[in-house]
């Protein structure tokens, strides 16, 4: 058995890191009107937000369609030629994308390689760390079952929270329904979004100031920092360098012993949260789930 790990760029992994970790990385498609781009391949995050701001004046709404199954099939055939018998494909949360379900149905038609879909129940860094963990375990000789066992442990610890300028993009894409059963009514101010353990993104209220959301997020993080496992935390931003500097300073002042990473919200999730978004994501440090001794 020879196992490959595959994902797309919504995991926040670039092609240089993917090559280093032996991850098959596919660029997520981004549509501006009738023109298609590919995340990190012919559309950088900075270029995306520049185009997004220009598109507002032309009333062009960017979208992020699912990866086509033809693209998946071609990538799988490429892996077969390299001698792989199995491939673990980590996808964005089913709460915001139907990719994993579509893949699970399509996988039955791929006979040359055994396809193992995995719902990350997240996006960006918490999804990316699951990919990184899978790749490290596979490189150490783990079986698919062993990889899934460790991914389950990591997935149980993930948290992602965001504050956005407007909820309109999410209402348009249908990813958040603030009028559904058990939902929180919309309030004035900047909307706060949170991923539930199931992977569904929900509207969690609003704040009048960025500072209020930041304080709430750090309060939530404090709970997990008290856990017995090491925590990896990331400050996420949609091309907001000044706000990111303030958030990083506040986080490091409150938790001086914690190392905070910083990452951009890429185009594939930026279409949902807009260009004014800030967020935080954290989970158990994936490296703590890698056995010390190679098999």
Protein backbone atom coordinates (compact mmCIF):
# COMPACT_ATOMS: atom_id res chain seq x y z
CA UNK A 1 0.00 0.00 0.00
CA UNK A 2 1.28 3.42 -1.00
CA UNK A 3 -0.81 6.33 0.30
CA UNK A 4 -0.98 9.88 -1.06
CA UNK A 5 -2.51 12.94 0.61
CA UNK A 6 -4.47 15.43 -1.51
CA UNK A 7 -6.24 18.69 -0.76
CA UNK A 8 -6.99 22.05 -2.33
CA UNK A 9 -5.73 25.55 -1.62
CA UNK A 10 -8.66 26.41 0.67
CA UNK A 11 -6.50 24.68 3.31
CA UNK A 12 -4.19 27.71 3.25
CA UNK A 13 -1.25 25.65 2.00
CA UNK A 14 0.84 27.02 -0.85
CA UNK A 15 2.55 24.98 -3.55
CA UNK A 16 6.05 25.32 -2.09
CA UNK A 17 4.95 23.81 1.23
CA UNK A 18 2.93 21.13 -0.55
CA UNK A 19 6.03 20.02 -2.49
CA UNK A 20 8.07 19.96 0.68
CA UNK A 21 5.51 17.82 2.51
CA UNK A 22 4.67 15.59 -0.50
CA UNK A 23 1.07 16.80 -0.62
CA UNK A 24 -0.88 16.79 -3.88
CA UNK A 25 -2.30 20.32 -3.92
CA UNK A 26 -5.03 21.43 -6.31
CA UNK A 27 -5.81 25.13 -6.88
CA UNK A 28 -9.35 26.08 -5.91
CA UNK A 29 -11.27 27.82 -8.74
CA UNK A 30 -12.42 31.42 -8.27
CA UNK A 31 -14.90 33.05 -10.63
CA UNK A 32 -15.17 36.77 -11.40
CA UNK A 33 -18.11 36.98 -13.77
CA UNK A 34 -17.26 34.69 -16.67
CA UNK A 35 -13.55 34.59 -15.96
CA UNK A 36 -12.03 31.75 -13.94
CA UNK A 37 -8.88 32.05 -11.86
CA UNK A 38 -7.02 29.48 -9.75
CA UNK A 39 -6.12 30.25 -6.16
CA UNK A 40 -2.37 30.70 -5.54
CA UNK A 41 -1.65 29.66 -9.14
CA UNK A 42 -2.74 32.63 -11.26
CA UNK A 43 -4.46 34.60 -8.50
CA UNK A 44 -2.59 35.67 -5.38
CA UNK A 45 -4.46 36.71 -2.26
CA UNK A 46 -3.42 40.34 -2.71
CA UNK A 47 -4.59 40.33 -6.34
CA UNK A 48 -7.88 38.74 -5.31
CA UNK A 49 -8.75 41.48 -2.82
CA UNK A 50 -7.69 44.14 -5.33
CA UNK A 51 -10.02 42.60 -7.94
CA UNK A 52 -12.75 42.20 -5.33
CA UNK A 53 -12.70 45.92 -4.52
CA UNK A 54 -12.74 46.82 -8.21
CA UNK A 55 -15.56 44.36 -8.84
CA UNK A 56 -17.79 46.12 -6.31
CA UNK A 57 -18.02 49.16 -8.59
CA UNK A 58 -19.04 46.92 -11.48
CA UNK A 59 -21.39 44.86 -9.32
CA UNK A 60 -19.50 41.67 -10.17
CA UNK A 61 -19.80 39.08 -7.40
CA UNK A 62 -16.88 36.63 -7.03
CA UNK A 63 -17.76 33.00 -6.36
CA UNK A 64 -15.82 29.87 -5.41
CA UNK A 65 -17.25 26.82 -7.21
CA UNK A 66 -16.30 23.32 -6.11
CA UNK A 67 -13.33 21.61 -7.62
CA UNK A 68 -14.55 19.61 -10.59
CA UNK A 69 -14.51 15.84 -10.35
CA UNK A 70 -12.65 15.80 -13.68
CA UNK A 71 -9.81 17.64 -11.93
CA UNK A 72 -9.86 15.11 -9.09
CA UNK A 73 -9.94 12.19 -11.52
CA UNK A 74 -6.96 13.55 -13.48
CA UNK A 75 -4.98 14.05 -10.27
CA UNK A 76 -5.81 10.51 -9.15
CA UNK A 77 -4.63 9.05 -12.45
CA UNK A 78 -1.39 10.96 -12.02
CA UNK A 79 -0.92 9.37 -8.60
CA UNK A 80 -1.57 5.90 -10.03
CA UNK A 81 1.27 6.43 -12.50
CA UNK A 82 3.50 7.16 -9.49
CA UNK A 83 2.57 3.85 -7.91
CA UNK A 84 0.04 5.05 -5.33
CA UNK A 85 -2.73 2.64 -4.34
CA UNK A 86 -4.69 4.91 -1.98
CA UNK A 87 -5.29 8.64 -1.59
CA UNK A 88 -6.68 10.54 1.39
CA UNK A 89 -8.45 13.67 0.13
CA UNK A 90 -9.04 16.32 2.80
CA UNK A 91 -11.85 18.71 1.87
CA UNK A 92 -13.35 21.91 3.28
CA UNK A 93 -16.13 21.59 5.82
CA UNK A 94 -19.39 20.11 4.60
CA UNK A 95 -20.93 23.02 6.47
CA UNK A 96 -19.79 25.41 3.75
CA UNK A 97 -19.14 23.14 0.77
CA UNK A 98 -20.67 20.01 -0.70
CA UNK A 99 -17.29 18.90 -2.05
CA UNK A 100 -16.75 15.94 0.30
CA UNK A 101 -20.20 14.49 -0.40
CA UNK A 102 -19.76 14.93 -4.14
CA UNK A 103 -16.34 13.29 -3.90
CA UNK A 104 -17.66 10.36 -1.86
CA UNK A 105 -20.24 9.60 -4.55
CA UNK A 106 -17.78 10.08 -7.41
CA UNK A 107 -15.03 8.00 -5.76
CA UNK A 108 -16.95 4.82 -6.54
CA UNK A 109 -16.26 5.37 -10.23
CA UNK A 110 -12.48 5.62 -9.71
CA UNK A 111 -11.25 2.04 -9.82
CA UNK A 112 -7.50 2.49 -10.28
CA UNK A 113 -6.94 3.97 -6.81
CA UNK A 114 -8.81 3.79 -3.52
CA UNK A 115 -10.13 7.27 -2.63
CA UNK A 116 -10.66 8.13 1.05
CA UNK A 117 -12.60 11.43 1.52
CA UNK A 118 -12.14 13.33 4.80
CA UNK A 119 -14.37 16.17 5.99
CA UNK A 120 -12.09 18.61 7.84
CA UNK A 121 -15.14 20.43 9.34
CA UNK A 122 -13.12 23.58 8.92
CA UNK A 123 -11.29 25.83 6.48
CA UNK A 124 -7.93 27.59 6.21
CA UNK A 125 -5.40 26.72 8.94
CA UNK A 126 -7.48 24.19 10.90
CA UNK A 127 -8.07 22.34 7.63
CA UNK A 128 -4.44 22.78 6.62
CA UNK A 129 -3.15 21.34 9.89
CA UNK A 130 -5.21 18.21 9.29
CA UNK A 131 -3.57 17.91 5.89
CA UNK A 132 -0.13 18.43 7.42
CA UNK A 133 -0.81 15.78 10.06
CA UNK A 134 -2.01 13.27 7.47
CA UNK A 135 1.05 13.87 5.31
CA UNK A 136 3.46 13.46 8.24
CA UNK A 137 1.79 10.25 9.38
CA UNK A 138 1.76 8.78 5.86
CA UNK A 139 5.44 9.64 5.45
CA UNK A 140 6.10 7.68 8.66
CA UNK A 141 4.29 4.61 7.33
CA UNK A 142 0.87 4.97 8.99
CA UNK A 143 -2.13 3.13 7.55
CA UNK A 144 -5.30 4.91 6.46
CA UNK A 145 -7.06 3.81 9.65
CA UNK A 146 -4.22 5.13 11.79
CA UNK A 147 -4.27 8.45 9.95
CA UNK A 148 -8.03 8.80 10.37
CA UNK A 149 -7.74 7.98 14.07
CA UNK A 150 -5.29 10.85 14.63
CA UNK A 151 -7.24 13.21 12.35
CA UNK A 152 -10.33 12.55 14.45
CA UNK A 153 -8.48 13.58 17.61
CA UNK A 154 -7.23 16.77 15.97
CA UNK A 155 -10.59 17.64 14.43
CA UNK A 156 -12.25 17.44 17.85
CA UNK A 157 -10.15 20.40 19.03
CA UNK A 158 -10.56 22.86 16.14
CA UNK A 159 -12.06 26.34 16.57
CA UNK A 160 -12.54 29.09 13.97
CA UNK A 161 -14.18 32.47 14.64
CA UNK A 162 -14.46 35.55 12.44
CA UNK A 163 -15.73 39.11 12.57
CA UNK A 164 -16.76 40.61 9.21
CA UNK A 165 -17.80 43.99 7.86
CA UNK A 166 -20.97 42.63 6.30
CA UNK A 167 -22.93 39.40 6.32
CA UNK A 168 -24.26 40.05 2.81
CA UNK A 169 -21.78 37.72 1.06
CA UNK A 170 -22.80 34.84 3.33
CA UNK A 171 -26.49 35.53 2.90
CA UNK A 172 -25.97 35.56 -0.85
CA UNK A 173 -24.13 32.24 -0.89
CA UNK A 174 -26.53 30.69 1.63
CA UNK A 175 -23.73 29.61 3.97
CA UNK A 176 -25.40 31.34 6.93
CA UNK A 177 -29.12 31.50 7.62
CA UNK A 178 -29.80 33.90 10.51
CA UNK A 179 -33.56 33.33 10.27
CA UNK A 180 -33.50 29.54 10.57
CA UNK A 181 -34.54 27.47 13.60
CA UNK A 182 -32.36 28.14 16.64
CA UNK A 183 -30.48 30.96 14.95
CA UNK A 184 -29.54 34.31 16.48
CA UNK A 185 -31.43 37.32 15.08
CA UNK A 186 -29.31 39.83 13.18
CA UNK A 187 -28.19 42.87 15.17
CA UNK A 188 -26.52 46.15 14.25
CA UNK A 189 -22.74 46.16 14.12
CA UNK A 190 -20.13 43.84 12.71
CA UNK A 191 -21.33 40.22 12.43
CA UNK A 192 -19.48 37.47 14.28
CA UNK A 193 -19.28 34.04 12.66
CA UNK A 194 -18.35 30.78 14.32
CA UNK A 195 -17.83 27.23 13.11
CA UNK A 196 -19.79 24.68 15.10
CA UNK A 197 -18.25 21.28 15.97
CA UNK A 198 -20.31 19.82 13.11
CA UNK A 199 -18.51 22.12 10.69
CA UNK A 200 -21.50 24.35 10.00
CA UNK A 201 -20.85 28.07 10.10
CA UNK A 202 -23.34 30.12 12.10
CA UNK A 203 -24.04 33.75 12.88
CA UNK A 204 -23.07 34.18 16.54
CA UNK A 205 -24.09 37.80 17.15
CA UNK A 206 -22.41 41.11 16.44
CA UNK A 207 -20.05 43.67 17.90
CA UNK A 208 -19.82 47.42 17.49
CA UNK A 209 -16.02 47.39 17.59
CA UNK A 210 -13.27 45.09 16.36
CA UNK A 211 -11.76 45.27 19.82
CA UNK A 212 -14.83 43.66 21.37
CA UNK A 213 -14.68 40.68 19.02
CA UNK A 214 -10.96 40.30 19.58
CA UNK A 215 -11.45 40.20 23.35
CA UNK A 216 -14.21 37.60 23.04
CA UNK A 217 -12.05 35.43 20.79
CA UNK A 218 -9.13 35.60 23.22
CA UNK A 219 -11.48 34.65 26.08
CA UNK A 220 -12.52 31.57 24.11
CA UNK A 221 -8.90 30.73 23.35
CA UNK A 222 -8.01 31.00 27.05
CA UNK A 223 -10.29 28.05 27.81
CA UNK A 224 -8.40 25.76 25.45
CA UNK A 225 -5.01 27.05 26.53
CA UNK A 226 -5.85 25.57 29.93
CA UNK A 227 -6.23 22.12 28.36
CA UNK A 228 -3.64 19.37 28.77
CA UNK A 229 -2.56 19.44 25.11
CA UNK A 230 -0.41 22.08 23.36
CA UNK A 231 -2.40 24.60 21.30
CA UNK A 232 -1.53 26.14 17.94
CA UNK A 233 -3.21 29.50 17.29
CA UNK A 234 -3.41 31.67 14.16
CA UNK A 235 -4.65 35.20 13.54
CA UNK A 236 -6.42 35.33 10.18
CA UNK A 237 -6.99 38.42 8.07
CA UNK A 238 -8.50 39.39 4.74
CA UNK A 239 -5.71 41.69 3.58
CA UNK A 240 -5.83 43.78 6.78
CA UNK A 241 -2.17 44.37 7.75
CA UNK A 242 -2.75 47.18 10.27
CA UNK A 243 -5.56 45.39 12.09
CA UNK A 244 -3.48 42.21 12.09
CA UNK A 245 -0.61 44.01 13.83
CA UNK A 246 -2.98 45.26 16.55
CA UNK A 247 -4.54 41.83 17.04
CA UNK A 248 -1.15 40.15 17.22
CA UNK A 249 0.12 42.67 19.79
CA UNK A 250 -3.00 42.23 21.94
CA UNK A 251 -2.80 38.43 21.76
CA UNK A 252 0.89 38.33 22.65
CA UNK A 253 0.39 40.78 25.51
CA UNK A 254 -2.33 38.61 27.02
CA UNK A 255 -0.61 35.28 26.33
CA UNK A 256 3.14 36.02 26.27
CA UNK A 257 4.13 32.33 26.27
CA UNK A 258 2.00 31.44 23.24
CA UNK A 259 3.37 31.71 19.71
CA UNK A 260 0.73 33.13 17.37
CA UNK A 261 0.95 32.51 13.65
CA UNK A 262 -0.47 34.96 11.12
CA UNK A 263 -2.17 33.90 7.87
CA UNK A 264 -4.21 35.49 5.11
CA UNK A 265 -7.78 34.53 4.40
CA UNK A 266 -7.37 33.25 0.86
CA UNK A 267 -9.75 33.86 -2.06
CA UNK A 268 -11.71 30.61 -1.69
CA UNK A 269 -12.96 31.68 1.75
CA UNK A 270 -12.67 35.39 1.08
CA UNK A 271 -15.67 35.16 -1.26
CA UNK A 272 -17.75 34.31 1.82
CA UNK A 273 -16.44 36.78 4.38
CA UNK A 274 -15.43 39.80 2.29
CA UNK A 275 -12.35 42.02 2.38
CA UNK A 276 -12.83 43.43 5.88
CA UNK A 277 -12.70 40.16 7.81
CA UNK A 278 -10.54 39.26 10.79
CA UNK A 279 -10.49 35.97 12.61
CA UNK A 280 -8.75 33.51 14.86
CA UNK A 281 -8.31 29.77 14.55
CA UNK A 282 -6.77 27.31 16.96
CA UNK A 283 -6.55 23.61 17.71
CA UNK A 284 -4.26 21.08 19.29
CA UNK A 285 -0.80 21.43 17.78
CA UNK A 286 -0.82 18.77 15.06
CA UNK A 287 2.83 17.96 15.74
CA UNK A 288 1.87 16.64 19.17
CA UNK A 289 -0.12 13.88 17.43
CA UNK A 290 2.86 12.58 15.46
CA UNK A 291 4.60 9.57 17.06
CA UNK A 292 8.19 10.23 18.05
CA UNK A 293 9.46 7.00 16.55
CA UNK A 294 9.20 6.20 12.87
CA UNK A 295 7.82 2.85 11.89
